[in-house]
Protein backbone atom coordinates (compact mmCIF):
# COMPACT_ATOMS: atom_id res chain seq x y z
CA UNK A 1 146.43 59.79 195.77
CA UNK A 2 144.39 60.85 192.78
CA UNK A 3 142.04 62.81 195.16
CA UNK A 4 141.77 62.26 198.85
CA UNK A 5 144.17 59.86 200.62
CA UNK A 6 142.79 56.31 200.70
CA UNK A 7 144.39 53.65 201.92
CA UNK A 8 141.82 50.29 201.70
CA UNK A 9 141.31 46.73 202.04
CA UNK A 10 138.05 44.90 200.64
CA UNK A 11 136.72 48.71 200.58
CA UNK A 12 137.13 49.31 204.37
CA UNK A 13 139.46 52.64 204.88
CA UNK A 14 142.53 51.49 207.32
CA UNK A 15 143.77 54.86 207.91
CA UNK A 16 141.71 57.57 209.45
CA UNK A 17 144.53 59.58 210.95
CA UNK A 18 144.42 63.32 210.10
CA UNK A 19 146.45 66.28 210.50
CA UNK A 20 150.52 65.61 210.32
CA UNK A 21 150.49 62.01 210.44
CA UNK A 22 148.53 61.98 207.66
CA UNK A 23 151.08 64.50 205.73
CA UNK A 24 153.53 61.69 206.73
CA UNK A 25 151.49 58.69 205.05
CA UNK A 26 150.89 61.07 201.80
CA UNK A 27 154.63 61.64 201.58
CA UNK A 28 155.15 57.98 201.55
CA UNK A 29 152.73 57.33 199.47
CA UNK A 30 153.61 59.41 196.86
CA UNK A 31 157.11 58.35 196.64
CA UNK A 32 156.65 54.62 197.29
CA UNK A 33 158.24 52.48 197.20
CA UNK A 34 161.29 54.52 197.92
CA UNK A 35 162.78 55.70 200.76
CA UNK A 36 161.67 59.30 202.43
CA UNK A 37 164.65 60.48 204.66
CA UNK A 38 163.52 61.63 207.99
CA UNK A 39 165.04 65.13 206.85
CA UNK A 40 162.45 65.24 203.92
CA UNK A 41 159.68 63.87 206.29
CA UNK A 42 160.81 67.13 208.82
CA UNK A 43 161.04 69.37 206.04
CA UNK A 44 157.07 68.57 205.06
CA UNK A 45 156.20 68.94 208.49
CA UNK A 46 157.65 72.16 209.79
CA UNK A 47 159.47 73.76 207.01
CA UNK A 48 162.42 75.69 208.25
CA UNK A 49 161.34 75.86 211.77
CA UNK A 50 161.24 72.19 213.38
CA UNK A 51 160.33 71.81 217.16
CA UNK A 52 163.25 71.04 219.17
CA UNK A 53 162.62 67.40 219.69
CA UNK A 54 161.43 66.92 215.55
CA UNK A 55 163.05 63.57 215.71
CA UNK A 56 160.98 62.00 218.28
CA UNK A 57 158.00 63.82 217.61
CA UNK A 58 158.26 62.48 213.81
CA UNK A 59 158.80 58.86 215.38
CA UNK A 60 155.74 58.92 217.25
CA UNK A 61 153.66 60.07 213.76
CA UNK A 62 154.81 56.95 212.56
CA UNK A 63 153.96 54.76 215.56
CA UNK A 64 150.18 56.11 215.20
CA UNK A 65 150.35 55.03 211.44
CA UNK A 66 151.52 51.81 212.43
CA UNK A 67 149.57 51.01 214.96
CA UNK A 68 146.43 52.08 213.03
CA UNK A 69 147.42 49.96 210.11
CA UNK A 70 147.90 47.03 212.47
CA UNK A 71 144.44 47.32 214.34
CA UNK A 72 143.20 47.42 211.14
CA UNK A 73 144.50 44.48 209.52
CA UNK A 74 144.47 42.41 212.01
CA UNK A 75 147.99 41.86 212.43
CA UNK A 76 151.05 42.90 214.75
CA UNK A 77 152.54 46.19 215.14
CA UNK A 78 155.67 44.42 214.36
CA UNK A 79 154.09 42.89 210.97
CA UNK A 80 153.47 46.41 210.10
CA UNK A 81 156.79 47.73 210.67
CA UNK A 82 158.49 44.89 208.88
CA UNK A 83 156.35 44.59 205.92
CA UNK A 84 154.49 47.61 205.03
CA UNK A 85 155.54 50.82 206.82
CA UNK A 86 159.02 50.41 207.15
CA UNK A 87 162.09 52.25 208.87
CA UNK A 88 164.76 51.79 206.03
CA UNK A 89 168.44 53.80 205.88
CA UNK A 90 167.44 56.57 208.19
CA UNK A 91 164.22 57.18 206.75
CA UNK A 92 160.84 55.23 205.93
CA UNK A 93 159.41 53.75 203.25
CA UNK A 94 155.60 52.19 202.06
CA UNK A 95 156.30 48.60 200.83
CA UNK A 96 153.07 48.34 198.95
CA UNK A 97 153.95 44.96 197.02
CA UNK A 98 151.52 43.93 194.39
CA UNK A 99 148.45 46.24 196.27
CA UNK A 100 146.43 48.55 193.62
CA UNK A 101 147.67 51.74 193.68
CA UNK A 102 146.37 54.69 191.28
CA UNK A 103 149.61 57.19 191.04
CA UNK A 104 151.57 54.57 189.59
CA UNK A 105 148.31 53.23 187.35
CA UNK A 106 147.69 56.67 186.05
CA UNK A 107 151.54 56.71 184.75
CA UNK A 108 151.45 53.22 183.36
CA UNK A 109 148.12 54.00 181.44
CA UNK A 110 149.94 57.37 179.95
CA UNK A 111 153.20 55.32 178.71
CA UNK A 112 150.45 52.77 177.12
CA UNK A 113 148.48 55.49 175.51
CA UNK A 114 152.27 57.12 174.46
CA UNK A 115 153.18 53.85 172.65
CA UNK A 116 149.28 53.72 170.81
CA UNK A 117 150.00 57.04 169.03
CA UNK A 118 153.68 56.44 168.41
CA UNK A 119 151.89 53.09 166.30
CA UNK A 120 149.62 55.73 165.33
CA UNK A 121 146.29 54.74 167.11
CA UNK A 122 144.53 57.12 167.99
CA UNK A 123 141.24 55.32 169.07
CA UNK A 124 143.33 52.89 171.28
CA UNK A 125 145.05 55.96 172.91
CA UNK A 126 141.86 57.69 173.33
CA UNK A 127 140.54 54.92 175.61
CA UNK A 128 143.57 54.28 177.61
CA UNK A 129 143.93 58.27 178.33
CA UNK A 130 140.02 58.41 179.53
CA UNK A 131 140.97 55.56 181.79
CA UNK A 132 143.91 57.11 183.19
CA UNK A 133 142.15 60.19 184.03
CA UNK A 134 139.15 58.19 185.25
CA UNK A 135 141.26 57.23 187.94
CA UNK A 136 141.20 61.23 189.35
CA UNK A 137 138.61 61.51 191.81
CA UNK A 138 139.27 65.12 192.69
CA UNK A 139 141.91 67.60 193.40
CA UNK A 140 145.27 65.63 194.41
CA UNK A 141 145.78 65.10 197.91
CA UNK A 142 142.98 66.94 198.74
CA UNK A 143 142.22 65.93 202.54
CA UNK A 144 146.35 66.31 203.00
CA UNK A 145 147.61 69.63 204.48
CA UNK A 146 150.48 70.37 202.19
CA UNK A 147 154.09 71.59 203.33
CA UNK A 148 156.46 72.42 200.62
CA UNK A 149 157.24 68.96 199.56
CA UNK A 150 153.95 67.89 198.86
CA UNK A 151 152.81 71.12 197.68
CA UNK A 152 155.59 70.55 194.56
CA UNK A 153 154.37 67.02 194.51
CA UNK A 154 150.73 67.98 194.05
CA UNK A 155 152.05 71.05 191.32
CA UNK A 156 153.57 68.38 189.20
CA UNK A 157 150.72 65.62 189.08
CA UNK A 158 148.66 68.47 188.47
CA UNK A 159 150.69 69.69 185.70
CA UNK A 160 150.65 65.93 184.41
CA UNK A 161 146.98 65.59 184.29
CA UNK A 162 146.45 68.67 182.30
CA UNK A 163 149.04 67.65 179.80
CA UNK A 164 146.95 63.88 179.74
CA UNK A 165 143.99 65.75 179.02
CA UNK A 166 145.83 68.17 176.07
CA UNK A 167 146.67 64.40 174.76
CA UNK A 168 143.47 63.00 174.89
CA UNK A 169 141.72 66.46 173.23
CA UNK A 170 144.54 66.26 170.31
CA UNK A 171 142.96 62.51 169.83
CA UNK A 172 139.68 63.46 169.84
CA UNK A 173 140.24 65.99 167.20
CA UNK A 174 142.53 63.59 165.40
CA UNK A 175 139.34 61.43 165.17
CA UNK A 176 137.06 64.32 164.16
CA UNK A 177 135.50 64.09 167.27
CA UNK A 178 135.66 67.97 167.97
CA UNK A 179 131.73 68.99 169.18
CA UNK A 180 132.19 66.24 171.84
CA UNK A 181 134.86 67.94 173.63
CA UNK A 182 133.67 71.36 173.40
CA UNK A 183 131.80 71.60 176.41
CA UNK A 184 134.72 70.36 178.63
CA UNK A 185 137.33 72.36 177.07
CA UNK A 186 134.88 75.26 177.64
CA UNK A 187 135.06 74.63 181.61
CA UNK A 188 138.69 73.97 181.54
CA UNK A 189 139.67 77.34 179.92
CA UNK A 190 137.54 79.21 182.74
CA UNK A 191 139.51 77.19 185.52
CA UNK A 192 142.95 77.64 183.64
CA UNK A 193 142.93 81.08 182.13
CA UNK A 194 146.43 80.98 181.06
CA UNK A 195 146.83 77.71 179.91
CA UNK A 196 147.94 78.45 175.64
CA UNK A 197 147.24 74.66 174.76
CA UNK A 198 143.40 74.41 176.09
CA UNK A 199 143.05 77.53 174.87
CA UNK A 200 144.31 76.31 171.47
CA UNK A 201 142.42 72.95 171.77
CA UNK A 202 139.07 75.11 172.29
CA UNK A 203 139.96 77.18 168.99
CA UNK A 204 140.57 74.76 166.92
CA UNK A 205 137.67 72.85 168.14
CA UNK A 206 135.16 75.90 167.67
CA UNK A 207 137.11 76.09 164.18
CA UNK A 208 136.18 72.87 162.96
CA UNK A 209 132.36 72.95 164.13
CA UNK A 210 131.80 76.44 162.45
CA UNK A 211 132.23 78.88 165.32
CA UNK A 212 134.88 80.89 163.76
CA UNK A 213 133.70 84.25 165.67
CA UNK A 214 133.87 82.43 169.11
CA UNK A 215 137.26 80.67 167.93
CA UNK A 216 138.45 84.20 167.46
CA UNK A 217 137.02 85.45 170.96
CA UNK A 218 138.82 82.68 173.17
CA UNK A 219 142.10 83.90 172.04
CA UNK A 220 141.11 87.52 172.67
CA UNK A 221 140.16 86.27 176.07
CA UNK A 222 143.52 84.61 176.60
CA UNK A 223 145.25 87.77 175.50
CA UNK A 224 143.57 89.63 178.01
CA UNK A 225 144.12 87.33 180.95
CA UNK A 226 147.81 86.89 180.09
CA UNK A 227 147.95 90.71 179.82
CA UNK A 228 146.30 91.80 182.60
CA UNK A 229 147.42 88.88 185.09
CA UNK A 230 151.12 88.21 183.86
CA UNK A 231 152.12 91.14 181.84
CA UNK A 232 152.81 88.68 179.06
CA UNK A 233 151.15 88.20 175.37
CA UNK A 234 150.42 84.42 173.87
CA UNK A 235 152.90 82.63 172.14
CA UNK A 236 153.80 82.80 168.54
CA UNK A 237 152.27 79.30 167.75
CA UNK A 238 148.70 80.05 169.15
CA UNK A 239 148.81 83.68 167.63
CA UNK A 240 149.62 81.64 163.94
CA UNK A 241 146.66 80.16 164.84
CA UNK A 242 144.67 82.73 165.64
CA UNK A 243 145.54 84.27 161.80
CA UNK A 244 144.76 81.20 160.35
CA UNK A 245 141.51 80.83 161.45
CA UNK A 246 140.90 84.49 160.65
CA UNK A 247 142.16 84.69 157.52
CA UNK A 248 140.14 81.52 156.50
CA UNK A 249 137.46 82.14 154.48
CA UNK A 250 136.21 78.65 154.10
CA UNK A 251 135.56 78.63 157.78
CA UNK A 252 132.73 81.36 158.42
CA UNK A 253 130.31 80.69 161.37
CA UNK A 254 127.90 77.70 160.52
CA UNK A 255 130.24 75.82 157.73
CA UNK A 256 132.64 73.46 159.21
CA UNK A 257 134.38 72.58 155.97
CA UNK A 258 137.81 74.59 156.40
CA UNK A 259 140.97 73.03 156.12
CA UNK A 260 141.79 71.26 159.20
CA UNK A 261 145.06 69.67 158.14
CA UNK A 262 146.54 73.29 157.42
CA UNK A 263 145.32 74.81 160.86
CA UNK A 264 147.17 71.70 162.51
CA UNK A 265 149.99 72.74 160.72
CA UNK A 266 150.15 76.17 161.87
CA UNK A 267 149.25 75.23 165.33
CA UNK A 268 151.99 72.80 165.39
CA UNK A 269 154.55 73.49 162.88
CA UNK A 270 155.40 71.45 159.73
CA UNK A 271 156.92 68.47 161.69
CA UNK A 272 153.64 67.60 163.50
CA UNK A 273 151.26 69.00 161.35
CA UNK A 274 149.65 65.73 160.43
CA UNK A 275 150.18 64.35 164.02
CA UNK A 276 148.29 66.70 166.45
CA UNK A 277 149.55 67.97 169.49
CA UNK A 278 151.18 65.94 172.19
CA UNK A 279 151.97 63.05 170.52
CA UNK A 280 151.74 61.02 167.32
CA UNK A 281 148.83 61.37 166.21
CA UNK A 282 147.03 60.32 162.91
CA UNK A 283 145.80 63.09 160.40
CA UNK A 284 142.23 64.55 160.83
CA UNK A 285 139.33 62.24 160.34
CA UNK A 286 141.59 58.88 161.22
CA UNK A 287 139.68 56.62 163.30
CA UNK A 288 136.45 58.99 162.38
CA UNK A 289 134.20 55.86 162.15
CA UNK A 290 135.13 54.54 165.71
CA UNK A 291 132.23 54.72 168.45
CA UNK A 292 134.61 55.19 172.00
CA UNK A 293 133.32 52.57 174.81
CA UNK A 294 133.32 53.95 178.61
CA UNK A 295 133.63 57.50 179.29
CA UNK A 296 135.95 58.83 176.82
CA UNK A 297 133.36 62.20 176.27
CA UNK A 298 132.95 61.98 179.30
CA UNK A 299 135.63 63.34 181.62
CA UNK A 300 134.97 64.72 184.90
CA UNK A 301 136.79 68.44 184.87
CA UNK A 302 134.27 69.97 187.34
CA UNK A 303 136.46 70.67 190.41
């Protein structure tokens, strides 16, 4: 789900259906293992203008999916209907059993990272968050037409990914690994020109790297984008961060010795100044001798 929709066994794709049958599959998967009512599926496929025989057409789409799954799994259609794509209480559900599924795995890893942050272990949290973000293969549901319900679900997952990215960047900042995230943050603020949390982390990473002037420019760019596109100004917290960076004589370009804890205090408020953003983080510099394995500083944000 975290990219194109793919259902595979031993690397072989099981469902090649396109169009509305694939839409049905996507909505069932994103809600799995919970039932999706026939009414919700009809709304997804046709919004408020369903055809006269919408229920019959929906049943035909489900039958097409069952036939393809049965053929590619080497089982009967009745077996698929009983064990996998089930009719249930006026709707349908996908029964995944013990199959690997990237969406619940993403949420599981996020929860693990939160637990690590709560115990003050930014290094473990950073590794786990990197693993969670690595599950994404591109824009969510990239090969499926989005009706009303899938559009809302995709938007919610996109928000969850951005929140996870912010949390990951906070773990890196808490370990004084600010230079390693500059390029990824720079790409992300271009893609998300109104996202204050990403801009704030880029400002802080630039500030810590000794690029105060550029950090202030990032704030001005955010102001212009928000005023021109949304008619509003950035929030008070990032404005305070801008003021702290602008006023700090220790943060002259080329000098990374600025008071980082004080800037975190300004950004997050007195209750979170020692924790960074989004989660419970160690004080700046904690865990800074650890070397992350895997792709922790090689996140894919090109899409």
